[in-house]
PDB file of N, CA and C in Angstrom:
ATOM      1  N   UNK A   1     -11.966   5.036 -11.686  1.00  0.00           N
ATOM      2  CA  UNK A   1     -10.946   4.816 -10.287  1.00  0.00           C
ATOM      3  C   UNK A   1     -11.311   4.678  -8.959  1.00  0.00           C
ATOM      4  N   UNK A   2     -10.578   3.955  -8.166  1.00  0.00           N
ATOM      5  CA  UNK A   2     -10.986   4.080  -6.637  1.00  0.00           C
ATOM      6  C   UNK A   2      -9.510   3.982  -6.160  1.00  0.00           C
ATOM      7  N   UNK A   3      -9.829   4.533  -4.525  1.00  0.00           N
ATOM      8  CA  UNK A   3      -9.353   4.537  -3.459  1.00  0.00           C
ATOM      9  C   UNK A   3      -9.138   3.869  -2.433  1.00  0.00           C
ATOM     10  N   UNK A   4      -8.133   3.515  -2.155  1.00  0.00           N
ATOM     11  CA  UNK A   4      -7.967   2.387  -1.000  1.00  0.00           C
ATOM     12  C   UNK A   4      -7.168   3.388   0.079  1.00  0.00           C
ATOM     13  N   UNK A   5      -7.580   2.983   2.110  1.00  0.00           N
ATOM     14  CA  UNK A   5      -7.029   3.627   2.787  1.00  0.00           C
ATOM     15  C   UNK A   5      -6.457   2.125   3.462  1.00  0.00           C
ATOM     16  N   UNK A   6      -5.248   1.962   3.023  1.00  0.00           N
ATOM     17  CA  UNK A   6      -4.543   0.201   3.877  1.00  0.00           C
ATOM     18  C   UNK A   6      -4.116   0.517   4.551  1.00  0.00           C
ATOM     19  N   UNK A   7      -4.076   0.222   6.298  1.00  0.00           N
ATOM     20  CA  UNK A   7      -3.541  -0.403   7.058  1.00  0.00           C
ATOM     21  C   UNK A   7      -2.782  -1.752   7.379  1.00  0.00           C
ATOM     22  N   UNK A   8      -1.571  -2.205   7.168  1.00  0.00           N
ATOM     23  CA  UNK A   8      -0.800  -3.456   7.088  1.00  0.00           C
ATOM     24  C   UNK A   8      -0.258  -3.610   8.465  1.00  0.00           C
ATOM     25  N   UNK A   9      -0.397  -4.756   9.007  1.00  0.00           N
ATOM     26  CA  UNK A   9      -0.134  -4.666   9.728  1.00  0.00           C
ATOM     27  C   UNK A   9       0.558  -6.395  10.333  1.00  0.00           C
ATOM     28  N   UNK A  10       1.424  -6.217  11.405  1.00  0.00           N
ATOM     29  CA  UNK A  10       2.643  -7.404  11.296  1.00  0.00           C
ATOM     30  C   UNK A  10       3.668  -7.099  11.262  1.00  0.00           C
ATOM     31  N   UNK A  11       4.613  -7.804  11.292  1.00  0.00           N
ATOM     32  CA  UNK A  11       6.062  -7.536  10.839  1.00  0.00           C
ATOM     33  C   UNK A  11       6.515  -7.206  10.243  1.00  0.00           C
ATOM     34  N   UNK A  12       6.098  -5.397   9.793  1.00  0.00           N
ATOM     35  CA  UNK A  12       5.872  -5.013   8.236  1.00  0.00           C
ATOM     36  C   UNK A  12       7.269  -4.108   8.255  1.00  0.00           C
ATOM     37  N   UNK A  13       7.136  -3.794   9.298  1.00  0.00           N
ATOM     38  CA  UNK A  13       8.763  -2.693   9.736  1.00  0.00           C
ATOM     39  C   UNK A  13       9.935  -3.078   9.694  1.00  0.00           C
ATOM     40  N   UNK A  14      10.689  -3.173   7.985  1.00  0.00           N
ATOM     41  CA  UNK A  14      12.557  -3.239   8.632  1.00  0.00           C
ATOM     42  C   UNK A  14      12.204  -4.584   7.714  1.00  0.00           C
ATOM     43  N   UNK A  15      11.543  -4.631   7.435  1.00  0.00           N
ATOM     44  CA  UNK A  15      11.751  -5.348   6.484  1.00  0.00           C
ATOM     45  C   UNK A  15      11.913  -5.374   4.726  1.00  0.00           C
ATOM     46  N   UNK A  16      12.195  -4.017   4.085  1.00  0.00           N
ATOM     47  CA  UNK A  16      11.490  -3.674   2.822  1.00  0.00           C
ATOM     48  C   UNK A  16      10.496  -3.250   2.347  1.00  0.00           C
ATOM     49  N   UNK A  17       9.296  -3.672   3.044  1.00  0.00           N
ATOM     50  CA  UNK A  17       7.877  -3.511   2.852  1.00  0.00           C
ATOM     51  C   UNK A  17       7.853  -2.131   1.990  1.00  0.00           C
ATOM     52  N   UNK A  18       7.762  -0.902   2.375  1.00  0.00           N
ATOM     53  CA  UNK A  18       7.325  -0.092   1.633  1.00  0.00           C
ATOM     54  C   UNK A  18       8.381   0.484   0.479  1.00  0.00           C
ATOM     55  N   UNK A  19       9.225  -0.136   0.066  1.00  0.00           N
ATOM     56  CA  UNK A  19      10.104  -0.261  -1.287  1.00  0.00           C
ATOM     57  C   UNK A  19       9.793  -1.007  -1.852  1.00  0.00           C
ATOM     58  N   UNK A  20       9.054  -2.310  -1.413  1.00  0.00           N
ATOM     59  CA  UNK A  20       8.412  -3.203  -2.172  1.00  0.00           C
ATOM     60  C   UNK A  20       7.101  -2.475  -3.073  1.00  0.00           C
ATOM     61  N   UNK A  21       6.268  -1.862  -1.773  1.00  0.00           N
ATOM     62  CA  UNK A  21       5.099  -1.673  -1.870  1.00  0.00           C
ATOM     63  C   UNK A  21       5.222  -0.687  -3.114  1.00  0.00           C
ATOM     64  N   UNK A  22       5.995   0.232  -3.261  1.00  0.00           N
ATOM     65  CA  UNK A  22       6.419   1.234  -4.372  1.00  0.00           C
ATOM     66  C   UNK A  22       6.819   0.680  -5.280  1.00  0.00           C
ATOM     67  N   UNK A  23       7.898  -0.608  -5.652  1.00  0.00           N
ATOM     68  CA  UNK A  23       7.973  -1.182  -6.395  1.00  0.00           C
ATOM     69  C   UNK A  23       6.585  -1.767  -7.140  1.00  0.00           C
ATOM     70  N   UNK A  24       5.638  -2.679  -6.424  1.00  0.00           N
ATOM     71  CA  UNK A  24       4.773  -2.793  -6.777  1.00  0.00           C
ATOM     72  C   UNK A  24       3.124  -1.985  -7.556  1.00  0.00           C
ATOM     73  N   UNK A  25       3.632  -0.652  -6.853  1.00  0.00           N
ATOM     74  CA  UNK A  25       3.236   0.242  -7.198  1.00  0.00           C
ATOM     75  C   UNK A  25       2.889   0.701  -8.593  1.00  0.00           C
ATOM     76  N   UNK A  26       4.384   1.018  -8.542  1.00  0.00           N
ATOM     77  CA  UNK A  26       4.529   1.569 -10.221  1.00  0.00           C
ATOM     78  C   UNK A  26       4.239   0.230 -11.054  1.00  0.00           C
ATOM     79  N   UNK A  27       4.634  -0.547 -11.133  1.00  0.00           N
ATOM     80  CA  UNK A  27       4.190  -1.667 -12.195  1.00  0.00           C
ATOM     81  C   UNK A  27       3.302  -1.633 -12.090  1.00  0.00           C
ATOM     82  N   UNK A  28       2.234  -1.240 -11.170  1.00  0.00           N
ATOM     83  CA  UNK A  28       0.886  -1.941 -11.842  1.00  0.00           C
ATOM     84  C   UNK A  28       0.038  -0.041 -12.221  1.00  0.00           C
ATOM     85  N   UNK A  29       0.955   0.933 -12.056  1.00  0.00           N
ATOM     86  CA  UNK A  29       0.279   2.672 -12.852  1.00  0.00           C
ATOM     87  C   UNK A  29      -0.391   3.173 -11.582  1.00  0.00           C
ATOM     88  N   UNK A  30      -0.458   2.552 -10.214  1.00  0.00           N
ATOM     89  CA  UNK A  30      -1.397   3.197  -9.236  1.00  0.00           C
ATOM     90  C   UNK A  30      -0.399   4.362  -8.365  1.00  0.00           C
ATOM     91  N   UNK A  31      -1.267   4.815  -7.723  1.00  0.00           N
ATOM     92  CA  UNK A  31      -0.808   6.689  -7.607  1.00  0.00           C
ATOM     93  C   UNK A  31      -1.168   6.835  -6.134  1.00  0.00           C
ATOM     94  N   UNK A  32      -0.521   7.336  -5.185  1.00  0.00           N
ATOM     95  CA  UNK A  32      -0.169   7.299  -4.050  1.00  0.00           C
ATOM     96  C   UNK A  32       1.007   7.521  -3.184  1.00  0.00           C
ATOM     97  N   UNK A  33       0.814   6.749  -1.903  1.00  0.00           N
ATOM     98  CA  UNK A  33       1.688   6.883  -0.679  1.00  0.00           C
ATOM     99  C   UNK A  33       1.281   6.047  -0.087  1.00  0.00           C
ATOM    100  N   UNK A  34       2.839   5.630   0.921  1.00  0.00           N
ATOM    101  CA  UNK A  34       3.081   4.610   1.503  1.00  0.00           C
ATOM    102  C   UNK A  34       3.924   5.285   2.684  1.00  0.00           C
ATOM    103  N   UNK A  35       3.739   4.700   4.043  1.00  0.00           N
ATOM    104  CA  UNK A  35       4.666   5.123   4.935  1.00  0.00           C
ATOM    105  C   UNK A  35       4.692   4.072   6.271  1.00  0.00           C
ATOM    106  N   UNK A  36       5.883   4.066   7.308  1.00  0.00           N
ATOM    107  CA  UNK A  36       5.636   3.273   8.772  1.00  0.00           C
ATOM    108  C   UNK A  36       4.715   4.592   9.561  1.00  0.00           C
ATOM    109  N   UNK A  37       3.939   3.885  10.623  1.00  0.00           N
ATOM    110  CA  UNK A  37       3.292   4.480  11.186  1.00  0.00           C
ATOM    111  C   UNK A  37       3.989   3.800  13.042  1.00  0.00           C
ATOM    112  N   UNK A  38       3.875   5.475  13.961  1.00  0.00           N
ATOM    113  CA  UNK A  38       4.100   4.536  15.420  1.00  0.00           C
ATOM    114  C   UNK A  38       4.066   3.607  15.391  1.00  0.00           C
ATOM    115  N   UNK A  39       2.723   2.667  15.731  1.00  0.00           N
ATOM    116  CA  UNK A  39       2.602   1.852  16.124  1.00  0.00           C
ATOM    117  C   UNK A  39       2.916   0.632  15.561  1.00  0.00           C
ATOM    118  N   UNK A  40       3.857   0.710  14.524  1.00  0.00           N
ATOM    119  CA  UNK A  40       5.041  -0.665  13.543  1.00  0.00           C
ATOM    120  C   UNK A  40       4.110  -1.194  12.425  1.00  0.00           C
ATOM    121  N   UNK A  41       2.938  -0.579  12.016  1.00  0.00           N
ATOM    122  CA  UNK A  41       2.469  -1.059  11.107  1.00  0.00           C
ATOM    123  C   UNK A  41       2.612  -0.041   9.749  1.00  0.00           C
ATOM    124  N   UNK A  42       2.133  -0.620   8.444  1.00  0.00           N
ATOM    125  CA  UNK A  42       2.609   0.356   7.233  1.00  0.00           C
ATOM    126  C   UNK A  42       1.238   1.055   6.672  1.00  0.00           C
ATOM    127  N   UNK A  43       1.429   1.998   6.384  1.00  0.00           N
ATOM    128  CA  UNK A  43       0.014   3.098   5.736  1.00  0.00           C
ATOM    129  C   UNK A  43      -0.298   3.130   4.608  1.00  0.00           C
ATOM    130  N   UNK A  44      -1.044   2.946   3.823  1.00  0.00           N
ATOM    131  CA  UNK A  44      -0.993   3.318   2.277  1.00  0.00           C
ATOM    132  C   UNK A  44      -2.167   4.087   2.014  1.00  0.00           C
ATOM    133  N   UNK A  45      -1.919   5.010   1.046  1.00  0.00           N
ATOM    134  CA  UNK A  45      -3.181   5.710   0.182  1.00  0.00           C
ATOM    135  C   UNK A  45      -2.743   5.324  -0.782  1.00  0.00           C
ATOM    136  N   UNK A  46      -4.123   4.991  -1.727  1.00  0.00           N
ATOM    137  CA  UNK A  46      -3.805   4.326  -3.556  1.00  0.00           C
ATOM    138  C   UNK A  46      -5.107   4.851  -3.791  1.00  0.00           C
ATOM    139  N   UNK A  47      -4.330   5.189  -4.690  1.00  0.00           N
ATOM    140  CA  UNK A  47      -5.360   5.451  -6.534  1.00  0.00           C
ATOM    141  C   UNK A  47      -4.742   4.759  -7.369  1.00  0.00           C
ATOM    142  N   UNK A  48      -6.348   4.593  -8.320  1.00  0.00           N
ATOM    143  CA  UNK A  48      -6.056   3.201  -9.719  1.00  0.00           C
ATOM    144  C   UNK A  48      -7.312   2.508  -9.882  1.00  0.00           C
ATOM    145  N   UNK A  49      -6.915   2.332 -10.929  1.00  0.00           N
ATOM    146  CA  UNK A  49      -8.328   1.172 -11.389  1.00  0.00           C
ATOM    147  C   UNK A  49      -8.734   0.282 -10.700  1.00  0.00           C
ATOM    148  N   UNK A  50     -10.110  -0.557 -10.720  1.00  0.00           N
ATOM    149  CA  UNK A  50     -10.222  -1.704  -9.293  1.00  0.00           C
ATOM    150  C   UNK A  50      -9.507  -2.873  -9.621  1.00  0.00           C
ATOM    151  N   UNK A  51      -9.019  -3.544 -11.018  1.00  0.00           N
ATOM    152  CA  UNK A  51      -8.211  -4.140 -10.925  1.00  0.00           C
ATOM    153  C   UNK A  51      -6.939  -3.741 -10.764  1.00  0.00           C
ATOM    154  N   UNK A  52      -5.973  -2.902 -10.766  1.00  0.00           N
ATOM    155  CA  UNK A  52      -4.818  -2.413 -10.131  1.00  0.00           C
ATOM    156  C   UNK A  52      -4.656  -2.473  -8.377  1.00  0.00           C
ATOM    157  N   UNK A  53      -5.999  -2.006  -8.181  1.00  0.00           N
ATOM    158  CA  UNK A  53      -5.989  -1.909  -6.502  1.00  0.00           C
ATOM    159  C   UNK A  53      -6.195  -3.509  -6.069  1.00  0.00           C
ATOM    160  N   UNK A  54      -7.213  -4.270  -6.225  1.00  0.00           N
ATOM    161  CA  UNK A  54      -7.072  -5.497  -5.992  1.00  0.00           C
ATOM    162  C   UNK A  54      -6.130  -6.228  -6.079  1.00  0.00           C
ATOM    163  N   UNK A  55      -5.136  -5.574  -7.443  1.00  0.00           N
ATOM    164  CA  UNK A  55      -3.892  -7.008  -7.176  1.00  0.00           C
ATOM    165  C   UNK A  55      -3.020  -6.371  -6.247  1.00  0.00           C
ATOM    166  N   UNK A  56      -3.152  -5.126  -5.476  1.00  0.00           N
ATOM    167  CA  UNK A  56      -2.163  -4.257  -5.122  1.00  0.00           C
ATOM    168  C   UNK A  56      -2.642  -5.108  -3.604  1.00  0.00           C
ATOM    169  N   UNK A  57      -3.848  -4.978  -3.217  1.00  0.00           N
ATOM    170  CA  UNK A  57      -4.374  -5.583  -2.174  1.00  0.00           C
ATOM    171  C   UNK A  57      -3.889  -7.006  -1.778  1.00  0.00           C
ATOM    172  N   UNK A  58      -4.407  -7.814  -3.222  1.00  0.00           N
ATOM    173  CA  UNK A  58      -3.742  -9.539  -2.412  1.00  0.00           C
ATOM    174  C   UNK A  58      -2.185  -9.508  -2.506  1.00  0.00           C
ATOM    175  N   UNK A  59      -1.558  -9.019  -3.304  1.00  0.00           N
ATOM    176  CA  UNK A  59      -0.036  -8.751  -2.871  1.00  0.00           C
ATOM    177  C   UNK A  59       0.407  -8.250  -1.424  1.00  0.00           C
ATOM    178  N   UNK A  60      -0.408  -7.154  -0.561  1.00  0.00           N
ATOM    179  CA  UNK A  60      -0.489  -6.302   0.471  1.00  0.00           C
ATOM    180  C   UNK A  60      -0.851  -7.240   1.696  1.00  0.00           C
ATOM    181  N   UNK A  61      -1.550  -8.048   1.504  1.00  0.00           N
ATOM    182  CA  UNK A  61      -1.881  -9.263   2.079  1.00  0.00           C
ATOM    183  C   UNK A  61      -0.150 -10.778   2.015  1.00  0.00           C
ATOM    184  N   UNK A  62       0.638 -10.345   1.598  1.00  0.00           N
ATOM    185  CA  UNK A  62       1.907 -11.299   1.491  1.00  0.00           C
ATOM    186  C   UNK A  62       2.506 -10.489   2.257  1.00  0.00           C
ATOM    187  N   UNK A  63       3.098  -9.653   1.637  1.00  0.00           N
ATOM    188  CA  UNK A  63       4.288  -8.768   1.233  1.00  0.00           C
ATOM    189  C   UNK A  63       5.189  -9.095   0.626  1.00  0.00           C
ATOM    190  N   UNK A  64       6.877  -8.662   1.154  1.00  0.00           N
ATOM    191  CA  UNK A  64       7.506  -9.189   0.233  1.00  0.00           C
ATOM    192  C   UNK A  64       8.590 -10.312   1.233  1.00  0.00           C
ATOM    193  N   UNK A  65       9.191 -11.058   1.095  1.00  0.00           N
ATOM    194  CA  UNK A  65      10.241 -12.287   1.835  1.00  0.00           C
ATOM    195  C   UNK A  65      10.688 -11.736   3.056  1.00  0.00           C
ATOM    196  N   UNK A  66      10.738 -11.676   4.233  1.00  0.00           N
ATOM    197  CA  UNK A  66      10.978 -11.895   5.265  1.00  0.00           C
ATOM    198  C   UNK A  66       9.497 -11.183   6.068  1.00  0.00           C
ATOM    199  N   UNK A  67       8.893 -10.238   5.200  1.00  0.00           N
ATOM    200  CA  UNK A  67       7.320 -10.426   6.328  1.00  0.00           C
ATOM    201  C   UNK A  67       6.400 -10.880   6.716  1.00  0.00           C
ATOM    202  N   UNK A  68       6.174 -10.174   7.760  1.00  0.00           N
ATOM    203  CA  UNK A  68       4.336 -11.894   7.943  1.00  0.00           C
ATOM    204  C   UNK A  68       3.594 -10.339   8.416  1.00  0.00           C
ATOM    205  N   UNK A  69       2.437 -10.618   7.371  1.00  0.00           N
ATOM    206  CA  UNK A  69       1.166  -9.696   7.593  1.00  0.00           C
ATOM    207  C   UNK A  69       0.393 -10.770   8.462  1.00  0.00           C
ATOM    208  N   UNK A  70      -0.131 -10.098   9.714  1.00  0.00           N
ATOM    209  CA  UNK A  70      -1.342 -10.388  10.317  1.00  0.00           C
ATOM    210  C   UNK A  70      -2.720  -9.803  10.048  1.00  0.00           C
ATOM    211  N   UNK A  71      -2.807  -8.781   9.713  1.00  0.00           N
ATOM    212  CA  UNK A  71      -3.907  -7.811   9.042  1.00  0.00           C
ATOM    213  C   UNK A  71      -3.880  -7.125   7.829  1.00  0.00           C
ATOM    214  N   UNK A  72      -4.346  -7.142   6.701  1.00  0.00           N
ATOM    215  CA  UNK A  72      -4.871  -5.479   5.718  1.00  0.00           C
ATOM    216  C   UNK A  72      -5.890  -5.200   6.164  1.00  0.00           C
ATOM    217  N   UNK A  73      -5.807  -3.608   6.545  1.00  0.00           N
ATOM    218  CA  UNK A  73      -7.618  -3.103   6.692  1.00  0.00           C
ATOM    219  C   UNK A  73      -7.411  -2.405   5.479  1.00  0.00           C
ATOM    220  N   UNK A  74      -8.588  -2.388   5.202  1.00  0.00           N
ATOM    221  CA  UNK A  74      -9.164  -1.939   3.503  1.00  0.00           C
ATOM    222  C   UNK A  74      -9.804  -1.170   3.945  1.00  0.00           C
ATOM    223  N   UNK A  75     -10.328   0.167   3.523  1.00  0.00           N
ATOM    224  CA  UNK A  75     -11.254   1.082   3.135  1.00  0.00           C
ATOM    225  C   UNK A  75     -11.444   1.865   1.981  1.00  0.00           C
ATOM    226  N   UNK A  76     -12.074   1.139   1.695  1.00  0.00           N
ATOM    227  CA  UNK A  76     -12.237   2.461   0.538  1.00  0.00           C
ATOM    228  C   UNK A  76     -13.128   3.889   0.414  1.00  0.00           C
ATOM    229  N   UNK A  77     -12.340   4.950  -0.547  1.00  0.00           N
ATOM    230  CA  UNK A  77     -12.819   6.062   0.106  1.00  0.00           C
ATOM    231  C   UNK A  77     -13.074   6.666  -1.126  1.00  0.00           C
ATOM    232  N   UNK A  78     -13.000   8.184  -1.507  1.00  0.00           N
ATOM    233  CA  UNK A  78     -13.813   8.852  -2.632  1.00  0.00           C
ATOM    234  C   UNK A  78     -12.320   8.727  -3.285  1.00  0.00           C
ATOM    235  N   UNK A  79     -12.434   8.590  -4.367  1.00  0.00           N
ATOM    236  CA  UNK A  79     -11.209   8.940  -5.448  1.00  0.00           C
ATOM    237  C   UNK A  79     -10.943  10.328  -4.995  1.00  0.00           C
ATOM    238  N   UNK A  80      -9.566  10.969  -5.137  1.00  0.00           N
ATOM    239  CA  UNK A  80      -9.677  13.024  -5.169  1.00  0.00           C
ATOM    240  C   UNK A  80      -8.605  13.009  -6.213  1.00  0.00           C
ATOM    241  N   UNK A  81      -7.898  11.996  -7.218  1.00  0.00           N
ATOM    242  CA  UNK A  81      -7.003  12.906  -8.387  1.00  0.00           C
ATOM    243  C   UNK A  81      -6.003  13.081  -7.885  1.00  0.00           C
ATOM    244  N   UNK A  82      -5.653  13.530  -6.608  1.00  0.00           N
ATOM    245  CA  UNK A  82      -4.994  14.405  -6.077  1.00  0.00           C
ATOM    246  C   UNK A  82      -3.194  13.822  -5.787  1.00  0.00           C
ATOM    247  N   UNK A  83      -2.898  12.802  -6.172  1.00  0.00           N
ATOM    248  CA  UNK A  83      -1.650  12.134  -6.236  1.00  0.00           C
ATOM    249  C   UNK A  83      -1.019  11.666  -8.040  1.00  0.00           C
ATOM    250  N   UNK A  84       0.371  11.836  -8.146  1.00  0.00           N
ATOM    251  CA  UNK A  84       1.525  12.166  -8.717  1.00  0.00           C
ATOM    252  C   UNK A  84       2.679  11.004  -9.026  1.00  0.00           C
ATOM    253  N   UNK A  85       2.104   9.384  -9.233  1.00  0.00           N
ATOM    254  CA  UNK A  85       3.562   9.120  -8.857  1.00  0.00           C
ATOM    255  C   UNK A  85       2.779   7.976  -7.067  1.00  0.00           C
ATOM    256  N   UNK A  86       3.480   7.673  -6.802  1.00  0.00           N
ATOM    257  CA  UNK A  86       3.865   6.808  -6.023  1.00  0.00           C
ATOM    258  C   UNK A  86       4.842   6.682  -5.141  1.00  0.00           C
ATOM    259  N   UNK A  87       5.099   7.838  -3.981  1.00  0.00           N
ATOM    260  CA  UNK A  87       6.413   7.647  -3.186  1.00  0.00           C
ATOM    261  C   UNK A  87       6.171   7.671  -1.590  1.00  0.00           C
ATOM    262  N   UNK A  88       7.491   7.177  -0.671  1.00  0.00           N
ATOM    263  CA  UNK A  88       6.947   6.607   0.480  1.00  0.00           C
ATOM    264  C   UNK A  88       7.024   8.323   1.177  1.00  0.00           C
ATOM    265  N   UNK A  89       6.431   8.206   2.391  1.00  0.00           N
ATOM    266  CA  UNK A  89       6.296   9.725   3.068  1.00  0.00           C
ATOM    267  C   UNK A  89       6.660   9.226   4.968  1.00  0.00           C
ATOM    268  N   UNK A  90       7.263  10.148   5.202  1.00  0.00           N
ATOM    269  CA  UNK A  90       8.052  10.143   6.510  1.00  0.00           C
ATOM    270  C   UNK A  90       6.883  10.060   7.201  1.00  0.00           C
TER     271      UNK A  90
END
């Protein structure tokens, strides 16, 4: 089990990035949350297997159609197991 704290920058708000990230997370079976940040970035905290998190990270670097990802900052943190499912936060 691993945990990533992701900050995705670029044109990532208003292009269904969060909604599509939720679909990707559900398909991979990872848990955590995603939210839009005031600075225009998207923040994600995810926990799951290394393989699934690496797959999600690759997706985050591209995003959905309409998104333009300039940068993905990924910090590995200690997993807590606190999440049940994956959802959007406001």
